[in-house]
Amino acid sequence: MIEPGTYLLYNAGCASCTSLAEQVIAASNGSLKMASLRAPEFNRVLRAVRPLWRFEPTLLTVDGRTAQVATGFLMRFRLLWLLGPRRAIRVARIASRFDVPVIGMGTLSTYPARIAEEQLRKVGSGTRVWVRLGRRWKINATPKTLVLRSRLKKIKLAPQVIEEIRYMASLDENQGFAASAIPGTLDESRRVRLVRVLLQAGFLTLTPPRPRIFATRLRGRYGTPAVRH
């Protein structure tokens, strides 16, 4: 049985995620509790509230009868509301040390799920993709090499794609785009190939950002939801 409260659910299999979560909880001064996304009792609640929930940083509030789930932008908003401005600033400073740009947008995340080869093959010049939430791109370019880094990933690319990479790095996370719209010197087939490489490496995603909050009235020990808003 989950005790009433607000829980920050994180990836307990990631050492840096755990360290960041612990520091965020300490900075919250008792406003938040922490729990693993893999914990069975929390899995049951997440499935009841959001049947198609994704393995991502989540703020879960349980009061005994109702559960609320927030991710993405709404997670950030609720953290600000729960912590207040001063503690929220303190938490944001902690997050910045882990190369997390904004609390709730990629915070405490895990390694990106590997995209299926079948999905990858279907990606064409008109397929819409998005920059993965919270993925801050760091570009190190020389005449001979181009290295693209994020907090969890590093890949080497041909230096000729620098214009295309800079364009994608400049986009807002809510701006979907297709390979055909990427400016630069590459022809269409090579732009598609570059998008597939970035999808496979986790810098891009086929899933648009969907910051939502759900409320569900729970039956028994977080069984079948009776009411959903």
Protein backbone atom coordinates (compact mmCIF):
# COMPACT_ATOMS: atom_id res chain seq x y z
CA MET A 1 0.00 0.00 0.00
CA ILE A 2 1.42 3.37 -0.99
CA GLU A 3 1.31 6.01 1.71
CA PRO A 4 -0.34 9.33 0.73
CA GLY A 5 2.09 11.91 -0.58
CA THR A 6 3.86 13.20 -3.67
CA TYR A 7 6.53 10.93 -5.12
CA LEU A 8 9.30 11.69 -7.58
CA LEU A 9 9.63 8.50 -9.63
CA TYR A 10 13.06 8.02 -11.18
CA ASN A 11 15.26 5.40 -12.84
CA ALA A 12 16.86 3.53 -9.93
CA GLY A 13 19.08 1.63 -12.36
CA CYS A 14 21.02 4.80 -13.22
CA ALA A 15 23.59 5.99 -10.66
CA SER A 16 23.53 9.65 -11.72
CA CYS A 17 19.71 9.62 -11.81
CA THR A 18 19.62 8.24 -8.26
CA SER A 19 22.11 10.82 -7.02
CA LEU A 20 20.14 13.66 -8.60
CA ALA A 21 16.85 12.34 -7.21
CA GLU A 22 18.32 12.13 -3.70
CA GLN A 23 19.54 15.72 -3.87
CA VAL A 24 16.21 16.96 -5.22
CA ILE A 25 14.37 15.20 -2.38
CA ALA A 26 16.74 16.70 0.19
CA ALA A 27 16.24 20.17 -1.27
CA SER A 28 12.44 19.74 -1.14
CA ASN A 29 12.59 19.75 2.68
CA GLY A 30 10.00 17.00 3.07
CA SER A 31 7.64 18.10 0.29
CA LEU A 32 8.58 15.14 -1.90
CA LYS A 33 9.31 11.44 -1.50
CA MET A 34 11.24 9.32 -3.96
CA ALA A 35 10.54 5.92 -5.48
CA SER A 36 11.75 3.79 -8.34
CA LEU A 37 9.82 3.69 -11.59
CA ARG A 38 10.35 -0.08 -11.47
CA ALA A 39 8.70 -0.61 -8.06
CA PRO A 40 5.69 -2.95 -8.59
CA GLU A 41 3.29 -0.99 -6.38
CA PHE A 42 4.00 2.22 -8.30
CA ASN A 43 3.78 0.38 -11.62
CA ARG A 44 0.24 -0.70 -10.70
CA VAL A 45 -0.82 2.88 -9.97
CA LEU A 46 0.77 4.22 -13.15
CA ARG A 47 -0.99 1.58 -15.24
CA ALA A 48 -4.32 2.37 -13.59
CA VAL A 49 -3.98 6.12 -14.17
CA ARG A 50 -2.23 6.01 -17.54
CA PRO A 51 -2.44 2.61 -19.26
CA LEU A 52 0.08 3.65 -21.93
CA TRP A 53 2.55 5.23 -19.50
CA ARG A 54 6.15 5.57 -20.59
CA PHE A 55 9.31 4.91 -18.59
CA GLU A 56 10.16 8.55 -17.90
CA PRO A 57 10.54 10.92 -14.94
CA THR A 58 7.16 11.16 -13.25
CA LEU A 59 5.57 13.05 -10.40
CA LEU A 60 2.90 10.92 -8.69
CA THR A 61 0.54 12.32 -6.05
CA VAL A 62 -1.58 9.84 -4.07
CA ASP A 63 -4.14 10.80 -1.43
CA GLY A 64 -5.69 7.37 -0.80
CA ARG A 65 -8.59 7.66 -3.25
CA THR A 66 -7.13 9.66 -6.12
CA ALA A 67 -3.83 9.55 -7.96
CA GLN A 68 -2.40 12.25 -10.22
CA VAL A 69 0.44 11.73 -12.67
CA ALA A 70 2.45 14.55 -14.21
CA THR A 71 5.31 14.42 -16.71
CA GLY A 72 7.08 16.92 -18.94
CA PHE A 73 6.03 20.55 -18.68
CA LEU A 74 3.31 19.86 -16.12
CA MET A 75 5.79 18.02 -13.94
CA ARG A 76 7.94 21.16 -13.99
CA PHE A 77 4.93 23.34 -13.18
CA ARG A 78 3.83 21.14 -10.29
CA LEU A 79 7.35 21.03 -8.87
CA LEU A 80 7.45 24.82 -8.91
CA TRP A 81 4.06 24.94 -7.18
CA LEU A 82 5.03 22.33 -4.57
CA LEU A 83 8.51 23.65 -3.79
CA GLY A 84 7.96 27.38 -4.04
CA PRO A 85 10.33 29.76 -5.86
CA ARG A 86 13.32 29.55 -3.50
CA ARG A 87 13.48 25.77 -3.26
CA ALA A 88 12.69 25.45 -6.98
CA ILE A 89 15.72 27.62 -7.78
CA ARG A 90 17.85 25.46 -5.48
CA VAL A 91 16.63 22.30 -7.24
CA ALA A 92 17.27 23.86 -10.67
CA ARG A 93 20.87 24.59 -9.63
CA ILE A 94 21.31 20.98 -8.55
CA ALA A 95 19.88 19.78 -11.85
CA SER A 96 22.22 22.00 -13.84
CA ARG A 97 25.21 20.18 -12.32
CA PHE A 98 23.89 17.02 -13.96
CA ASP A 99 23.46 18.77 -17.32
CA VAL A 100 19.67 18.77 -16.91
CA PRO A 101 18.46 22.09 -18.38
CA VAL A 102 15.05 22.32 -16.70
CA ILE A 103 13.46 20.28 -13.94
CA GLY A 104 10.71 18.13 -15.44
CA MET A 105 12.01 18.21 -19.01
CA GLY A 106 14.20 15.15 -19.21
CA THR A 107 15.10 15.24 -15.52
CA LEU A 108 16.13 11.96 -13.91
CA SER A 109 15.70 10.23 -17.23
CA THR A 110 17.19 6.96 -18.32
CA TYR A 111 18.96 5.89 -21.46
CA PRO A 112 16.64 6.22 -24.46
CA ALA A 113 14.83 3.08 -25.48
CA ARG A 114 16.38 1.58 -28.57
CA ILE A 115 14.23 2.18 -31.62
CA ALA A 116 13.18 -0.95 -33.48
CA GLU A 117 14.92 -1.61 -36.80
CA GLU A 118 11.53 -1.95 -38.51
CA GLN A 119 10.51 1.51 -37.31
CA LEU A 120 13.84 2.92 -38.40
CA ARG A 121 13.49 1.54 -41.92
CA LYS A 122 10.09 3.22 -42.26
CA VAL A 123 11.55 6.67 -41.56
CA GLY A 124 11.55 8.65 -44.79
CA SER A 125 12.04 12.21 -45.96
CA GLY A 126 8.53 13.19 -44.83
CA THR A 127 8.50 11.44 -41.42
CA ARG A 128 8.08 13.93 -38.58
CA VAL A 129 10.55 13.70 -35.73
CA TRP A 130 11.25 15.73 -32.58
CA VAL A 131 14.30 16.62 -30.54
CA ARG A 132 14.16 14.41 -27.47
CA LEU A 133 13.00 16.28 -24.35
CA GLY A 134 15.82 17.44 -22.09
CA ARG A 135 18.52 16.36 -24.51
CA ARG A 136 21.02 19.22 -24.58
CA TRP A 137 23.22 18.91 -27.66
CA LYS A 138 26.90 19.78 -27.38
CA ILE A 139 28.70 20.09 -30.69
CA ASN A 140 32.46 19.84 -31.04
CA ALA A 141 33.45 20.43 -34.65
CA THR A 142 36.84 20.50 -36.33
CA PRO A 143 37.72 20.35 -40.05
CA LYS A 144 38.20 16.58 -39.71
CA THR A 145 35.69 15.45 -37.08
CA LEU A 146 32.31 16.30 -35.61
CA VAL A 147 31.36 14.98 -32.19
CA LEU A 148 27.80 15.31 -30.88
CA ARG A 149 27.28 14.80 -27.16
CA SER A 150 24.49 14.75 -24.64
CA ARG A 151 24.61 13.84 -20.97
CA LEU A 152 24.24 10.14 -21.77
CA LYS A 153 25.49 9.74 -25.32
CA LYS A 154 28.34 10.64 -27.67
CA ILE A 155 28.48 9.95 -31.39
CA LYS A 156 30.94 10.84 -34.14
CA LEU A 157 29.70 12.18 -37.44
CA ALA A 158 31.19 13.42 -40.68
CA PRO A 159 32.11 17.13 -40.44
CA GLN A 160 30.07 17.79 -43.60
CA VAL A 161 26.82 17.53 -41.63
CA ILE A 162 27.60 20.46 -39.32
CA GLU A 163 25.00 22.78 -40.89
CA GLU A 164 22.25 20.16 -40.55
CA ILE A 165 23.23 19.36 -36.94
CA ARG A 166 23.27 23.02 -35.92
CA TYR A 167 19.83 23.50 -37.41
CA MET A 168 18.35 20.58 -35.46
CA ALA A 169 20.13 21.64 -32.26
CA SER A 170 18.51 25.08 -32.55
CA LEU A 171 14.96 23.73 -32.66
CA ASP A 172 12.52 23.90 -29.79
CA GLU A 173 11.50 20.50 -28.41
CA ASN A 174 7.91 21.12 -29.51
CA GLN A 175 8.89 21.78 -33.14
CA GLY A 176 8.39 18.65 -35.17
CA PHE A 177 10.25 18.51 -38.47
CA ALA A 178 11.01 16.16 -41.34
CA ALA A 179 14.29 15.31 -43.05
CA SER A 180 13.07 17.11 -46.18
CA ALA A 181 12.90 20.40 -44.23
CA ILE A 182 16.47 20.30 -42.91
CA PRO A 183 18.65 22.92 -44.61
CA GLY A 184 22.21 22.14 -45.63
CA THR A 185 24.34 20.58 -48.33
CA LEU A 186 23.22 16.95 -47.98
CA ASP A 187 20.94 15.41 -50.56
CA GLU A 188 17.61 13.96 -49.43
CA SER A 189 18.77 10.36 -48.97
CA ARG A 190 21.68 11.46 -46.78
CA ARG A 191 19.44 13.69 -44.68
CA VAL A 192 17.17 10.70 -44.08
CA ARG A 193 20.21 8.62 -43.14
CA LEU A 194 21.35 11.31 -40.68
CA VAL A 195 17.89 11.46 -39.06
CA ARG A 196 17.92 7.67 -38.65
CA VAL A 197 21.35 7.80 -36.98
CA LEU A 198 20.13 10.46 -34.54
CA LEU A 199 16.95 8.51 -33.81
CA GLN A 200 18.94 5.38 -33.07
CA ALA A 201 21.32 7.31 -30.81
CA GLY A 202 18.42 8.88 -28.88
CA PHE A 203 18.96 12.52 -29.88
CA LEU A 204 15.69 12.50 -31.83
CA THR A 205 12.39 10.74 -31.20
CA LEU A 206 9.37 9.71 -33.26
CA THR A 207 7.08 10.57 -30.34
CA PRO A 208 5.84 14.18 -30.00
CA PRO A 209 6.06 15.69 -26.52
CA ARG A 210 2.86 15.05 -24.60
CA PRO A 211 2.93 16.83 -21.23
CA ARG A 212 -0.24 15.74 -19.51
CA ILE A 213 -1.68 15.31 -16.08
CA PHE A 214 -4.24 12.68 -15.22
CA ALA A 215 -6.44 12.18 -12.19
CA THR A 216 -8.06 8.85 -11.42
CA ARG A 217 -10.28 7.74 -8.58
CA LEU A 218 -8.89 4.43 -7.42
CA ARG A 219 -10.64 1.32 -6.20
CA GLY A 220 -9.21 -0.95 -3.54
CA ARG A 221 -5.44 -1.18 -3.75
CA TYR A 222 -5.12 0.94 -6.88
CA GLY A 223 -7.06 -1.40 -9.12
CA THR A 224 -9.40 -0.53 -11.95
CA PRO A 225 -9.94 3.22 -12.34
CA ALA A 226 -13.52 4.34 -11.80
CA VAL A 227 -13.24 7.97 -12.90
CA ARG A 228 -10.71 9.65 -15.15
CA HIS A 229 -10.42 13.36 -15.86
